Amino acid sequence: MQFVRLGEFFAAARITGPTHNLLQIRFGGPLDGFPICERLDGTGECRHKPLNEDQLVQHVLRGVAEANQHLGSAYVVSHIRYVENDTPPEKAYGFMAMRIVEHYHNGGAFESGLSTEQDG
């Protein structure tokens, strides 16, 4: 898994054989409700069943909650980004979110990514 920082977003990229996933999350203060979720434009010609955004968000939140429980931390996700033509299953995003939190919390290195206009 590759860890990258894009402005205020922490990202993980995961490519395993025919599957590919990119998750970007931004940490924020306590939220009233769910984080903002943004679908990024697809890349390449990959075509398959679209991701279920509601399930993806739920898995990300569970992954962060699991990491918080394990680490004794209280990270909150305020914004989620994913690529619209990435591959299922949605539970992969929960694993990636958990790994981002663990990596960040433990002082792991995040490669510098180029800031884009989407990094708002």
C-alpha atoms as a PDB file:
ATOM      1  CA  MET A   1       0.000   0.000   0.000  1.00  0.00           C
ATOM      2  CA  GLN A   2       1.289   3.445  -0.879  1.00  0.00           C
ATOM      3  CA  PHE A   3       0.648   6.406   1.427  1.00  0.00           C
ATOM      4  CA  VAL A   4       0.527   9.937  -0.004  1.00  0.00           C
ATOM      5  CA  ARG A   5      -0.370  13.366   1.332  1.00  0.00           C
ATOM      6  CA  LEU A   6      -2.286  15.672  -1.008  1.00  0.00           C
ATOM      7  CA  GLY A   7      -2.731  19.012   0.724  1.00  0.00           C
ATOM      8  CA  GLU A   8      -4.983  18.346   3.718  1.00  0.00           C
ATOM      9  CA  PHE A   9      -5.856  14.856   2.475  1.00  0.00           C
ATOM     10  CA  PHE A  10      -4.161  11.626   3.498  1.00  0.00           C
ATOM     11  CA  ALA A  11      -4.377   8.953   0.822  1.00  0.00           C
ATOM     12  CA  ALA A  12      -3.728   5.273   0.374  1.00  0.00           C
ATOM     13  CA  ALA A  13      -3.416   3.542  -2.974  1.00  0.00           C
ATOM     14  CA  ARG A  14      -3.805  -0.212  -3.211  1.00  0.00           C
ATOM     15  CA  ILE A  15      -3.249  -2.267  -6.339  1.00  0.00           C
ATOM     16  CA  THR A  16      -3.483  -6.046  -6.078  1.00  0.00           C
ATOM     17  CA  GLY A  17      -3.692  -7.874  -9.379  1.00  0.00           C
ATOM     18  CA  PRO A  18      -6.809  -6.751 -11.210  1.00  0.00           C
ATOM     19  CA  THR A  19      -8.124  -4.631  -8.316  1.00  0.00           C
ATOM     20  CA  HIS A  20      -7.206  -1.007  -7.713  1.00  0.00           C
ATOM     21  CA  ASN A  21      -8.371   1.416  -5.070  1.00  0.00           C
ATOM     22  CA  LEU A  22      -7.545   4.967  -4.041  1.00  0.00           C
ATOM     23  CA  LEU A  23      -8.909   6.471  -0.861  1.00  0.00           C
ATOM     24  CA  GLN A  24      -8.340  10.041   0.276  1.00  0.00           C
ATOM     25  CA  ILE A  25      -9.522  11.217   3.677  1.00  0.00           C
ATOM     26  CA  ARG A  26      -9.301  14.499   5.534  1.00  0.00           C
ATOM     27  CA  PHE A  27      -9.431  14.579   9.297  1.00  0.00           C
ATOM     28  CA  GLY A  28     -11.567  17.199  10.976  1.00  0.00           C
ATOM     29  CA  GLY A  29     -13.416  18.145  14.112  1.00  0.00           C
ATOM     30  CA  PRO A  30     -16.617  16.571  15.389  1.00  0.00           C
ATOM     31  CA  LEU A  31     -19.271  16.370  12.699  1.00  0.00           C
ATOM     32  CA  ASP A  32     -23.016  16.573  12.758  1.00  0.00           C
ATOM     33  CA  GLY A  33     -23.775  13.591  10.563  1.00  0.00           C
ATOM     34  CA  PHE A  34     -21.679  12.012   7.861  1.00  0.00           C
ATOM     35  CA  PRO A  35     -18.514  13.248   6.202  1.00  0.00           C
ATOM     36  CA  ILE A  36     -18.613  14.849   2.781  1.00  0.00           C
ATOM     37  CA  CYS A  37     -18.053  12.189   0.129  1.00  0.00           C
ATOM     38  CA  GLU A  38     -16.681  13.105  -3.273  1.00  0.00           C
ATOM     39  CA  ARG A  39     -16.461  10.833  -6.299  1.00  0.00           C
ATOM     40  CA  LEU A  40     -13.367  11.630  -8.391  1.00  0.00           C
ATOM     41  CA  ASP A  41     -13.340  11.151 -12.151  1.00  0.00           C
ATOM     42  CA  GLY A  42     -12.345   7.688 -13.312  1.00  0.00           C
ATOM     43  CA  THR A  43      -9.107   6.920 -15.055  1.00  0.00           C
ATOM     44  CA  GLY A  44      -8.368   4.383 -17.751  1.00  0.00           C
ATOM     45  CA  GLU A  45     -10.878   2.078 -19.363  1.00  0.00           C
ATOM     46  CA  CYS A  46     -11.790  -0.036 -16.331  1.00  0.00           C
ATOM     47  CA  ARG A  47     -15.468  -1.052 -16.428  1.00  0.00           C
ATOM     48  CA  HIS A  48     -17.262  -3.072 -13.772  1.00  0.00           C
ATOM     49  CA  LYS A  49     -20.110  -2.829 -11.297  1.00  0.00           C
ATOM     50  CA  PRO A  50     -20.036   0.689  -9.775  1.00  0.00           C
ATOM     51  CA  LEU A  51     -19.121   1.130  -6.143  1.00  0.00           C
ATOM     52  CA  ASN A  52     -21.940   1.637  -3.663  1.00  0.00           C
ATOM     53  CA  GLU A  53     -21.101   5.007  -2.122  1.00  0.00           C
ATOM     54  CA  ASP A  54     -23.213   4.513   1.014  1.00  0.00           C
ATOM     55  CA  GLN A  55     -21.484   1.201   1.750  1.00  0.00           C
ATOM     56  CA  LEU A  56     -18.073   2.714   1.014  1.00  0.00           C
ATOM     57  CA  VAL A  57     -18.681   5.537   3.513  1.00  0.00           C
ATOM     58  CA  GLN A  58     -19.909   3.093   6.171  1.00  0.00           C
ATOM     59  CA  HIS A  59     -16.811   0.915   5.719  1.00  0.00           C
ATOM     60  CA  VAL A  60     -14.497   3.944   5.936  1.00  0.00           C
ATOM     61  CA  LEU A  61     -16.166   5.070   9.153  1.00  0.00           C
ATOM     62  CA  ARG A  62     -15.931   1.550  10.621  1.00  0.00           C
ATOM     63  CA  GLY A  63     -12.261   1.334   9.662  1.00  0.00           C
ATOM     64  CA  VAL A  64     -11.485   4.634  11.374  1.00  0.00           C
ATOM     65  CA  ALA A  65     -13.503   3.599  14.447  1.00  0.00           C
ATOM     66  CA  GLU A  66     -11.624   0.297  14.630  1.00  0.00           C
ATOM     67  CA  ALA A  67      -8.274   2.087  14.379  1.00  0.00           C
ATOM     68  CA  ASN A  68      -9.353   4.577  17.055  1.00  0.00           C
ATOM     69  CA  GLN A  69     -10.363   1.761  19.373  1.00  0.00           C
ATOM     70  CA  HIS A  70      -7.082  -0.075  18.827  1.00  0.00           C
ATOM     71  CA  LEU A  71      -4.924   3.065  19.198  1.00  0.00           C
ATOM     72  CA  GLY A  72      -6.907   4.848  21.909  1.00  0.00           C
ATOM     73  CA  SER A  73      -7.281   7.799  19.540  1.00  0.00           C
ATOM     74  CA  ALA A  74     -10.218   9.908  18.387  1.00  0.00           C
ATOM     75  CA  TYR A  75      -9.684  10.691  14.704  1.00  0.00           C
ATOM     76  CA  VAL A  76     -12.755  11.910  12.820  1.00  0.00           C
ATOM     77  CA  VAL A  77     -13.080  11.926   9.046  1.00  0.00           C
ATOM     78  CA  SER A  78     -14.622  15.087   7.623  1.00  0.00           C
ATOM     79  CA  HIS A  79     -14.172  14.345   3.908  1.00  0.00           C
ATOM     80  CA  ILE A  80     -13.814  11.180   1.798  1.00  0.00           C
ATOM     81  CA  ARG A  81     -12.714  10.931  -1.831  1.00  0.00           C
ATOM     82  CA  TYR A  82     -12.633   7.865  -4.061  1.00  0.00           C
ATOM     83  CA  VAL A  83     -12.278   7.204  -7.785  1.00  0.00           C
ATOM     84  CA  GLU A  84     -15.564   6.371  -9.502  1.00  0.00           C
ATOM     85  CA  ASN A  85     -14.214   3.456 -11.550  1.00  0.00           C
ATOM     86  CA  ASP A  86     -12.158   1.788  -8.831  1.00  0.00           C
ATOM     87  CA  THR A  87     -12.928  -1.832  -8.052  1.00  0.00           C
ATOM     88  CA  PRO A  88     -15.124  -3.373  -5.371  1.00  0.00           C
ATOM     89  CA  PRO A  89     -15.471  -4.611  -2.702  1.00  0.00           C
ATOM     90  CA  GLU A  90     -16.351  -1.548  -0.662  1.00  0.00           C
ATOM     91  CA  LYS A  91     -14.972  -3.166   2.493  1.00  0.00           C
ATOM     92  CA  ALA A  92     -11.471  -2.633   1.048  1.00  0.00           C
ATOM     93  CA  TYR A  93     -11.954   1.070   1.795  1.00  0.00           C
ATOM     94  CA  GLY A  94     -12.521   0.306   5.479  1.00  0.00           C
ATOM     95  CA  PHE A  95      -9.203  -1.554   5.589  1.00  0.00           C
ATOM     96  CA  MET A  96      -7.490   1.328   3.792  1.00  0.00           C
ATOM     97  CA  ALA A  97      -8.996   3.917   6.167  1.00  0.00           C
ATOM     98  CA  MET A  98      -7.826   1.901   9.155  1.00  0.00           C
ATOM     99  CA  ARG A  99      -4.315   1.697   7.696  1.00  0.00           C
ATOM    100  CA  ILE A 100      -4.207   5.455   6.964  1.00  0.00           C
ATOM    101  CA  VAL A 101      -5.123   6.248  10.580  1.00  0.00           C
ATOM    102  CA  GLU A 102      -2.587   3.756  11.951  1.00  0.00           C
ATOM    103  CA  HIS A 103       0.138   5.005   9.613  1.00  0.00           C
ATOM    104  CA  TYR A 104      -0.558   8.659  10.484  1.00  0.00           C
ATOM    105  CA  HIS A 105      -0.863   8.007  14.224  1.00  0.00           C
ATOM    106  CA  ASN A 106       2.411   6.074  14.318  1.00  0.00           C
ATOM    107  CA  GLY A 107       4.313   8.817  12.502  1.00  0.00           C
ATOM    108  CA  GLY A 108       4.619   6.936   9.229  1.00  0.00           C
ATOM    109  CA  ALA A 109       5.856   8.784   6.165  1.00  0.00           C
ATOM    110  CA  PHE A 110       3.427  10.022   3.549  1.00  0.00           C
ATOM    111  CA  GLU A 111       4.898  10.768   0.150  1.00  0.00           C
ATOM    112  CA  SER A 112       4.250  14.300  -1.025  1.00  0.00           C
ATOM    113  CA  GLY A 113       1.672  14.439  -3.754  1.00  0.00           C
ATOM    114  CA  LEU A 114       1.095  17.335  -6.059  1.00  0.00           C
ATOM    115  CA  SER A 115      -1.656  19.578  -4.791  1.00  0.00           C
ATOM    116  CA  THR A 116      -4.551  19.699  -7.225  1.00  0.00           C
ATOM    117  CA  GLU A 117      -7.453  22.070  -7.617  1.00  0.00           C
ATOM    118  CA  GLN A 118      -9.569  19.402  -5.879  1.00  0.00           C
ATOM    119  CA  ASP A 119      -7.495  19.697  -2.702  1.00  0.00           C
ATOM    120  CA  GLY A 120      -9.628  22.703  -1.654  1.00  0.00           C
END
